[in-house]
Amino acid sequence: MNYHNKKFKPVQNTPNAETSEDTIFHYEQQGSILTCTYSGGQITKGQLIAIVDETGNIDMRYHQVNRKGELMTGICTSSPEIMANGKIRLHENWQWTSGDLSKGQSVLEEL
């Protein structure tokens, strides 16, 4: 699976997430290396770097600056699902590595 030049937005989040439906993720991929920039909602600027396996699963690390000016970091794994319309839905399990170190889940869908 290749995520190059695809855009995603969250459609579901746990309450401890900083992303929202106003956050847009722009993915770029070269080989198995995935990078992304994102912003919107509570996020001023965010970036992630990841490895994509042969089935499209993503193992990522992210960092972002929120509207409060705080630098937040975390880890996340994403599993893809192909929706009926052919677009990708990502099921994510993540944990903050800063702040309260809490865990959460998100669902992102391709725009």
Protein backbone atom coordinates (compact mmCIF):
# COMPACT_ATOMS: atom_id res chain seq x y z
CA MET A 1 0.00 0.00 0.00
CA ASN A 2 1.29 3.45 -0.86
CA TYR A 3 0.17 6.58 0.98
CA HIS A 4 2.10 9.04 -1.21
CA ASN A 5 0.33 12.39 -1.69
CA LYS A 6 -2.80 11.26 0.17
CA LYS A 7 -4.64 13.50 2.64
CA PHE A 8 -6.53 12.31 5.72
CA LYS A 9 -8.65 13.83 8.47
CA PRO A 10 -9.80 12.41 11.80
CA VAL A 11 -13.43 11.26 11.96
CA GLN A 12 -13.25 9.74 15.46
CA ASN A 13 -11.03 10.40 18.49
CA THR A 14 -10.75 9.69 22.18
CA PRO A 15 -11.13 12.83 24.36
CA ASN A 16 -7.38 13.11 25.13
CA ALA A 17 -6.51 13.69 21.44
CA GLU A 18 -5.47 17.12 20.17
CA THR A 19 -6.48 16.42 16.56
CA SER A 20 -10.00 17.02 15.25
CA GLU A 21 -11.96 17.03 11.98
CA ASP A 22 -10.23 20.37 11.31
CA THR A 23 -6.80 18.71 11.29
CA ILE A 24 -5.53 17.73 7.83
CA PHE A 25 -2.69 15.23 7.40
CA HIS A 26 -0.68 15.26 4.13
CA TYR A 27 1.27 12.02 3.64
CA GLU A 28 4.33 11.47 1.46
CA GLN A 29 5.97 8.09 0.97
CA GLN A 30 9.23 6.88 -0.56
CA GLY A 31 9.65 3.12 -0.38
CA SER A 32 8.72 2.06 3.14
CA ILE A 33 9.42 5.50 4.66
CA LEU A 34 6.38 7.66 5.32
CA THR A 35 6.46 11.33 6.33
CA CYS A 36 3.61 13.69 7.02
CA THR A 37 2.90 17.30 7.88
CA TYR A 38 -0.35 18.30 9.53
CA SER A 39 -2.14 21.27 11.04
CA GLY A 40 -5.60 22.58 11.87
CA GLY A 41 -7.87 22.76 14.86
CA GLN A 42 -5.76 22.73 18.04
CA ILE A 43 -2.58 21.89 16.06
CA THR A 44 -0.42 24.76 14.82
CA LYS A 45 2.12 22.46 13.15
CA GLY A 46 2.84 18.75 13.32
CA GLN A 47 5.12 16.23 11.67
CA LEU A 48 5.49 12.48 11.73
CA ILE A 49 7.90 9.89 10.41
CA ALA A 50 7.01 6.23 10.00
CA ILE A 51 7.77 2.86 8.50
CA VAL A 52 5.07 1.16 6.38
CA ASP A 53 5.07 -2.63 6.19
CA GLU A 54 4.07 -4.76 3.19
CA THR A 55 0.39 -4.82 4.23
CA GLY A 56 0.15 -1.05 4.81
CA ASN A 57 0.45 -1.04 8.61
CA ILE A 58 2.20 2.10 9.87
CA ASP A 59 4.59 2.41 12.84
CA MET A 60 5.07 6.14 13.51
CA ARG A 61 6.53 8.76 15.81
CA TYR A 62 5.01 12.23 15.87
CA HIS A 63 5.62 15.67 17.31
CA GLN A 64 3.43 18.74 17.20
CA VAL A 65 3.03 22.24 18.58
CA ASN A 66 -0.49 22.98 19.80
CA ARG A 67 -2.30 26.34 19.95
CA LYS A 68 -1.12 26.74 23.58
CA GLY A 69 2.49 26.71 22.30
CA GLU A 70 3.23 23.31 23.85
CA LEU A 71 5.47 20.77 22.12
CA MET A 72 3.80 17.36 22.31
CA THR A 73 5.23 13.99 21.21
CA GLY A 74 3.90 10.48 20.77
CA ILE A 75 3.97 7.05 19.17
CA CYS A 76 1.26 5.48 17.04
CA THR A 77 0.42 2.36 15.06
CA SER A 78 -2.12 2.52 12.22
CA SER A 79 -3.90 -0.29 10.40
CA PRO A 80 -5.54 0.41 7.03
CA GLU A 81 -9.02 -0.56 5.91
CA ILE A 82 -10.21 -0.07 2.32
CA MET A 83 -13.71 1.42 2.41
CA ALA A 84 -16.48 0.63 -0.09
CA ASN A 85 -15.65 3.84 -1.99
CA GLY A 86 -12.02 2.69 -2.46
CA LYS A 87 -10.60 5.26 -0.03
CA ILE A 88 -8.46 4.34 2.97
CA ARG A 89 -9.58 4.42 6.60
CA LEU A 90 -6.81 4.27 9.23
CA HIS A 91 -7.45 2.73 12.66
CA GLU A 92 -4.91 4.20 15.08
CA ASN A 93 -3.69 3.30 18.55
CA TRP A 94 -1.43 5.95 20.04
CA GLN A 95 0.24 7.10 23.23
CA TRP A 96 1.62 10.45 24.30
CA THR A 97 5.34 10.34 25.16
CA SER A 98 4.99 13.79 26.70
CA GLY A 99 2.37 15.34 28.98
CA ASP A 100 0.25 12.78 30.82
CA LEU A 101 1.52 9.76 28.80
CA SER A 102 -2.09 8.66 28.20
CA LYS A 103 -3.21 6.34 25.41
CA GLY A 104 -5.97 6.81 22.85
CA GLN A 105 -7.55 5.70 19.60
CA SER A 106 -8.35 7.61 16.43
CA VAL A 107 -9.91 6.88 13.06
CA LEU A 108 -8.76 8.86 10.02
CA GLU A 109 -10.31 8.79 6.56
CA GLU A 110 -8.80 9.71 3.23
CA LEU A 111 -10.14 12.90 1.68
